[in-house]
Every structure is written in structure tokens, then in C-alpha cells.
N, C-alpha and C. Protein backbone atom coordinates (compact mmCIF):
# COMPACT_ATOMS: atom_id res chain seq x y z
N MET A 1 20.76 2.57 -12.78
CA MET A 1 21.57 1.69 -11.76
C MET A 1 21.16 2.12 -10.44
N THR A 2 21.20 3.45 -10.04
CA THR A 2 21.03 4.07 -8.90
C THR A 2 19.57 3.48 -8.15
N LEU A 3 18.56 3.26 -9.15
CA LEU A 3 17.33 2.66 -8.61
C LEU A 3 17.38 1.37 -8.20
N SER A 4 18.17 0.57 -9.19
CA SER A 4 18.19 -0.94 -8.54
C SER A 4 19.18 -1.04 -7.11
N VAL A 5 20.19 -0.33 -7.05
CA VAL A 5 20.91 -0.37 -5.96
C VAL A 5 20.11 0.02 -4.57
N ALA A 6 19.11 1.28 -4.75
CA ALA A 6 18.50 1.52 -3.50
C ALA A 6 17.28 0.46 -3.27
N ARG A 7 16.54 -0.13 -4.39
CA ARG A 7 15.70 -1.35 -4.33
C ARG A 7 16.26 -2.29 -3.52
N TYR A 8 17.63 -2.82 -3.91
CA TYR A 8 18.35 -3.86 -3.35
C TYR A 8 18.74 -3.55 -1.99
N PHE A 9 18.91 -2.45 -1.60
CA PHE A 9 18.71 -2.12 -0.20
C PHE A 9 17.72 -2.40 0.80
N TRP A 10 16.50 -1.77 0.33
CA TRP A 10 15.36 -2.17 0.81
C TRP A 10 14.80 -3.50 0.97
N VAL A 11 14.95 -4.16 -0.24
CA VAL A 11 14.57 -5.86 -0.15
C VAL A 11 15.69 -6.22 0.89
N MET A 12 16.74 -6.02 1.01
CA MET A 12 17.85 -6.59 1.99
C MET A 12 17.27 -6.43 3.39
N LEU A 13 16.81 -5.22 3.45
CA LEU A 13 16.20 -4.82 4.79
C LEU A 13 15.28 -5.49 5.33
N VAL A 14 14.48 -5.98 4.24
CA VAL A 14 13.21 -6.77 4.57
C VAL A 14 13.42 -7.90 4.85
N VAL A 15 14.37 -8.74 3.96
CA VAL A 15 14.65 -9.96 4.19
C VAL A 15 15.66 -10.28 5.63
N ILE A 16 16.38 -9.45 5.83
CA ILE A 16 17.12 -9.65 7.23
C ILE A 16 16.35 -9.48 8.33
N GLY A 17 15.59 -8.24 8.24
CA GLY A 17 14.81 -7.69 9.17
C GLY A 17 13.39 -8.45 9.60
N SER A 18 12.94 -8.95 8.60
CA SER A 18 11.66 -9.84 9.02
C SER A 18 11.88 -11.00 9.99
N SER A 19 13.02 -11.72 9.96
CA SER A 19 13.11 -12.59 11.10
C SER A 19 13.23 -12.17 12.51
N SER A 20 13.37 -10.74 12.37
CA SER A 20 13.79 -10.41 13.86
C SER A 20 12.42 -9.82 14.48
N TYR A 21 11.33 -10.09 13.94
CA TYR A 21 9.98 -9.77 14.59
C TYR A 21 9.11 -10.64 14.46
N PRO A 22 9.28 -12.04 14.81
CA PRO A 22 8.09 -13.06 14.73
C PRO A 22 6.89 -12.60 15.53
N GLU A 23 6.73 -11.73 16.55
CA GLU A 23 5.68 -11.52 17.05
C GLU A 23 4.52 -10.68 16.30
N ALA A 24 4.83 -10.02 15.27
CA ALA A 24 3.90 -9.20 14.18
C ALA A 24 3.11 -10.26 13.59
N ALA A 25 1.97 -10.39 14.00
CA ALA A 25 0.85 -11.16 13.24
C ALA A 25 0.59 -10.67 11.82
N ASP A 26 0.42 -9.45 11.65
CA ASP A 26 0.00 -9.11 10.25
C ASP A 26 1.40 -9.03 9.37
N VAL A 27 1.62 -9.50 8.31
CA VAL A 27 2.52 -9.69 7.63
C VAL A 27 2.95 -8.30 6.76
N ASN A 28 1.95 -7.58 6.57
CA ASN A 28 2.21 -6.14 5.96
C ASN A 28 2.88 -5.24 7.17
N VAL A 29 2.45 -5.45 8.26
CA VAL A 29 3.23 -4.68 9.52
C VAL A 29 4.28 -5.05 9.90
N GLN A 30 4.63 -6.46 9.62
CA GLN A 30 5.90 -7.16 9.78
C GLN A 30 6.91 -6.49 8.76
N ARG A 31 6.38 -6.62 7.74
CA ARG A 31 7.30 -6.12 6.46
C ARG A 31 7.61 -4.53 6.79
N GLY A 32 6.62 -3.70 7.14
CA GLY A 32 6.89 -2.41 7.25
C GLY A 32 7.78 -2.31 8.69
N THR A 33 7.87 -3.05 9.70
CA THR A 33 8.77 -2.84 10.64
C THR A 33 10.12 -3.41 10.18
N ALA A 34 10.40 -3.98 9.37
CA ALA A 34 11.72 -4.34 8.80
C ALA A 34 11.93 -3.22 7.94
N LEU A 35 11.31 -2.72 7.28
CA LEU A 35 11.57 -1.33 6.39
C LEU A 35 11.87 -0.10 7.26
N ALA A 36 11.10 0.11 8.37
CA ALA A 36 11.30 1.19 9.11
C ALA A 36 12.58 1.20 9.98
N ASN A 37 13.07 0.02 10.27
CA ASN A 37 14.37 0.01 10.70
C ASN A 37 15.40 1.04 10.22
N ALA A 38 15.27 1.09 8.77
CA ALA A 38 16.38 2.26 8.23
C ALA A 38 15.85 3.62 8.68
N CYS A 39 14.54 3.87 9.03
CA CYS A 39 14.09 5.12 9.31
C CYS A 39 14.72 5.67 10.87
N ALA A 40 15.15 4.72 11.55
CA ALA A 40 15.55 5.08 12.91
C ALA A 40 16.86 5.86 12.93
N THR A 41 17.78 5.70 11.90
CA THR A 41 19.06 6.32 11.74
C THR A 41 18.75 7.86 11.91
N CYS A 42 17.76 8.50 11.11
CA CYS A 42 17.45 9.81 10.93
C CYS A 42 16.47 10.28 12.09
N HIS A 43 15.35 9.45 11.78
CA HIS A 43 13.98 9.71 12.78
C HIS A 43 14.00 9.19 14.31
N GLY A 44 15.06 8.72 14.68
CA GLY A 44 15.19 8.28 16.15
C GLY A 44 14.63 6.87 16.19
N PRO A 45 14.92 6.15 17.47
CA PRO A 45 14.37 5.10 17.68
C PRO A 45 12.65 5.01 17.70
N GLU A 46 12.06 4.05 17.41
CA GLU A 46 10.78 3.96 17.19
C GLU A 46 9.88 5.20 16.82
N GLY A 47 10.61 5.87 15.88
CA GLY A 47 10.35 6.90 15.12
C GLY A 47 10.03 8.36 15.97
N ARG A 48 10.87 8.39 16.86
CA ARG A 48 10.91 9.62 17.81
C ARG A 48 12.16 10.24 17.74
N SER A 49 12.22 11.14 17.03
CA SER A 49 13.34 12.30 16.99
C SER A 49 13.63 13.03 17.96
N THR A 50 14.77 13.23 18.27
CA THR A 50 15.11 14.21 19.37
C THR A 50 15.76 15.77 18.71
N GLY A 51 15.73 15.54 17.43
CA GLY A 51 16.39 16.76 16.79
C GLY A 51 15.57 17.64 16.15
N VAL A 52 15.97 18.22 14.98
CA VAL A 52 15.42 18.82 13.87
C VAL A 52 14.38 18.07 12.80
N ILE A 53 14.88 16.76 12.89
CA ILE A 53 14.34 15.85 11.84
C ILE A 53 12.82 15.30 12.59
N PRO A 54 11.74 15.58 11.71
CA PRO A 54 10.32 15.31 12.41
C PRO A 54 10.53 13.79 12.93
N SER A 55 9.48 13.67 14.01
CA SER A 55 9.24 12.30 14.61
C SER A 55 8.34 11.91 13.70
N LEU A 56 8.41 10.58 13.03
CA LEU A 56 7.36 9.92 12.32
C LEU A 56 6.44 9.34 13.14
N ARG A 57 6.31 9.22 14.38
CA ARG A 57 5.16 8.55 15.16
C ARG A 57 4.24 9.50 15.49
N ASP A 58 4.63 10.66 15.04
CA ASP A 58 3.84 11.87 15.54
C ASP A 58 2.71 12.24 14.51
N LEU A 59 3.07 11.34 13.13
CA LEU A 59 2.16 11.81 12.11
C LEU A 59 1.15 11.01 12.03
N THR A 60 0.05 11.57 11.33
CA THR A 60 -1.02 10.23 11.09
C THR A 60 -0.83 9.66 10.10
N PRO A 61 -1.18 8.45 9.93
CA PRO A 61 -0.99 7.40 8.60
C PRO A 61 -1.08 8.10 7.60
N ASN A 62 -2.08 8.77 7.39
CA ASN A 62 -2.32 9.49 6.04
C ASN A 62 -1.14 10.52 5.62
N ALA A 63 -0.66 11.24 6.75
CA ALA A 63 0.31 12.25 6.22
C ALA A 63 1.49 11.54 6.08
N LEU A 64 1.95 10.64 6.76
CA LEU A 64 3.19 9.54 6.67
C LEU A 64 3.09 9.34 5.31
N HIS A 65 1.98 8.49 4.86
CA HIS A 65 1.88 8.11 3.54
C HIS A 65 1.90 9.04 2.39
N ASP A 66 1.31 9.97 2.60
CA ASP A 66 1.40 11.06 1.47
C ASP A 66 2.83 11.82 1.47
N SER A 67 3.50 11.79 2.55
CA SER A 67 4.77 12.60 2.66
C SER A 67 5.77 11.50 1.88
N LEU A 68 5.51 10.33 2.07
CA LEU A 68 6.63 9.22 1.48
C LEU A 68 6.26 9.24 -0.16
N ARG A 69 5.20 9.17 -0.54
CA ARG A 69 4.96 9.29 -1.90
C ARG A 69 5.33 10.72 -2.49
N ALA A 70 5.11 11.69 -1.85
CA ALA A 70 5.39 13.12 -2.41
C ALA A 70 6.98 13.13 -2.75
N TYR A 71 7.67 12.71 -1.62
CA TYR A 71 9.22 12.68 -1.73
C TYR A 71 9.49 11.68 -2.82
N ARG A 72 8.86 10.57 -3.03
CA ARG A 72 9.35 9.57 -4.08
C ARG A 72 8.98 10.15 -5.53
N SER A 73 8.00 10.69 -5.59
CA SER A 73 7.74 11.52 -7.01
C SER A 73 8.51 12.90 -7.30
N GLY A 74 9.23 13.39 -6.21
CA GLY A 74 9.78 14.65 -6.21
C GLY A 74 9.08 15.77 -6.11
N GLU A 75 7.76 15.60 -5.90
CA GLU A 75 6.60 16.73 -5.22
C GLU A 75 7.30 17.57 -3.91
N ARG A 76 7.93 16.68 -3.21
CA ARG A 76 8.52 17.31 -2.03
C ARG A 76 9.69 17.01 -2.06
N THR A 77 10.73 18.02 -1.60
CA THR A 77 12.18 17.81 -1.56
C THR A 77 12.71 17.71 -0.31
N GLY A 78 13.70 16.96 -0.28
CA GLY A 78 14.41 16.94 1.15
C GLY A 78 15.96 16.53 0.78
N THR A 79 16.64 16.40 1.97
CA THR A 79 18.22 16.35 1.84
C THR A 79 18.38 14.63 1.25
N VAL A 80 17.80 13.71 2.02
CA VAL A 80 18.04 12.39 1.79
C VAL A 80 16.69 11.77 1.14
N MET A 81 15.70 12.22 1.50
CA MET A 81 14.31 11.43 1.41
C MET A 81 14.05 11.17 -0.02
N ASN A 82 14.19 12.19 -0.84
CA ASN A 82 14.02 11.82 -2.18
C ASN A 82 14.76 10.55 -2.76
N ARG A 83 16.07 10.42 -2.49
CA ARG A 83 16.63 9.58 -2.92
C ARG A 83 16.31 8.04 -2.28
N LEU A 84 15.99 8.01 -0.77
CA LEU A 84 15.56 6.84 -0.24
C LEU A 84 14.64 6.17 -0.81
N THR A 85 13.41 7.02 -0.76
CA THR A 85 11.92 6.78 -1.28
C THR A 85 12.06 6.09 -2.81
N GLN A 86 13.16 6.45 -3.39
CA GLN A 86 13.14 5.87 -4.84
C GLN A 86 13.26 4.47 -5.10
N GLY A 87 13.72 3.86 -3.71
CA GLY A 87 13.75 2.48 -3.58
C GLY A 87 12.66 1.75 -2.99
N LEU A 88 11.52 2.65 -2.88
CA LEU A 88 10.33 2.09 -2.21
C LEU A 88 9.17 1.99 -3.28
N ASP A 89 8.28 0.84 -3.42
CA ASP A 89 7.22 0.98 -4.31
C ASP A 89 6.05 1.09 -3.47
N ASP A 90 4.62 1.02 -4.08
CA ASP A 90 3.50 1.25 -3.24
C ASP A 90 3.28 0.43 -2.11
N ALA A 91 3.62 -0.91 -2.40
CA ALA A 91 3.49 -1.78 -1.16
C ALA A 91 4.44 -1.36 -0.13
N ASP A 92 5.47 -1.29 -0.21
CA ASP A 92 6.51 -0.60 0.67
C ASP A 92 6.12 0.64 1.58
N ILE A 93 5.68 1.53 0.95
CA ILE A 93 5.02 2.68 1.52
C ILE A 93 4.05 2.45 2.36
N ASP A 94 3.11 1.35 1.72
CA ASP A 94 1.77 0.94 2.60
C ASP A 94 2.12 0.13 3.87
N ALA A 95 3.10 -0.73 3.50
CA ALA A 95 3.92 -1.47 4.87
C ALA A 95 4.53 -0.50 5.90
N ILE A 96 5.23 0.47 5.48
CA ILE A 96 5.68 1.28 6.62
C ILE A 96 4.72 2.29 7.20
N THR A 97 3.59 2.62 6.61
CA THR A 97 2.70 3.31 7.19
C THR A 97 1.71 2.12 8.05
N ALA A 98 1.58 1.24 7.68
CA ALA A 98 1.03 0.33 8.67
C ALA A 98 1.83 -0.12 9.81
N HIS A 99 2.96 -0.02 9.63
CA HIS A 99 3.73 -0.20 10.94
C HIS A 99 3.86 0.89 11.87
N PHE A 100 3.51 2.16 11.41
CA PHE A 100 3.56 3.21 12.41
C PHE A 100 2.16 3.23 12.83
N ALA A 101 1.18 2.98 11.98
CA ALA A 101 -0.26 3.13 12.38
C ALA A 101 -0.31 2.14 13.56
N ALA A 102 0.06 0.87 13.51
CA ALA A 102 0.07 -0.34 14.21
C ALA A 102 0.78 0.12 15.78
N LYS A 103 1.80 0.79 15.67
CA LYS A 103 2.62 0.83 16.92
C LYS A 103 2.45 2.32 17.60
N TYR A 104 2.25 3.20 16.91
CA TYR A 104 2.23 4.62 17.39
C TYR A 104 1.02 5.37 16.87
N ARG A 105 0.14 5.85 17.75
CA ARG A 105 -1.08 6.59 17.32
C ARG A 105 -0.81 8.14 17.91
N PRO A 106 -1.05 8.98 17.02
CA PRO A 106 -0.94 10.63 17.47
C PRO A 106 -2.05 10.94 18.47
């Protein structure tokens, strides 16, 4: 049941957030932008954290992609990332990675 609640949360973010970014030409980037809105709570606006939580915009696309997959599989542990990534499928992770790769290059 927890997985379905997490999945519902991410799907709702995509549905609600996708209409907020009509300027995004690439659908995958647009979807990633909607999903990445949830990241800002901890990782800061535009993926730039001011605290001890890592800034996402400073990661290479491969590092971000690999980190999200590692959190989801349990290979990497964190305080909330393991739970949040349970609601993401491979397409979601690809979309989030595409968003940060398109917007912010280290």
C-alpha cells in the first residue's frame, strides 16, 4: 500500500505540474520539471541547496541518475530518499535526470 501511495503522489505532481511549464519543448524534460518540484523542498530552488543536503544541479546527469536508482534499490541509504524513490519508475528517473541536465550543467 505504501508503494501505491508514493506512486500516486508522484503521478499527481506530474499531472498538476505539467501545465505549469508550457515552455518546455521536450515532453521528457517537461515531465521531469514537474517531478523535480518535489525535490526543491529539501534540495532547494532550482536544485541548489544552501544546507548540508547536496545540490542536485551540481551533479552530473549520470551521477544523479545512478543516485536515484541506488536509493530506489536500497543500495544507497538516506533519511527520506529511499522512501521517495520507491514511487519512481525508470521513466520518472530518466525524466528528472533530463530536467536537471537541460537546465543546469555542472
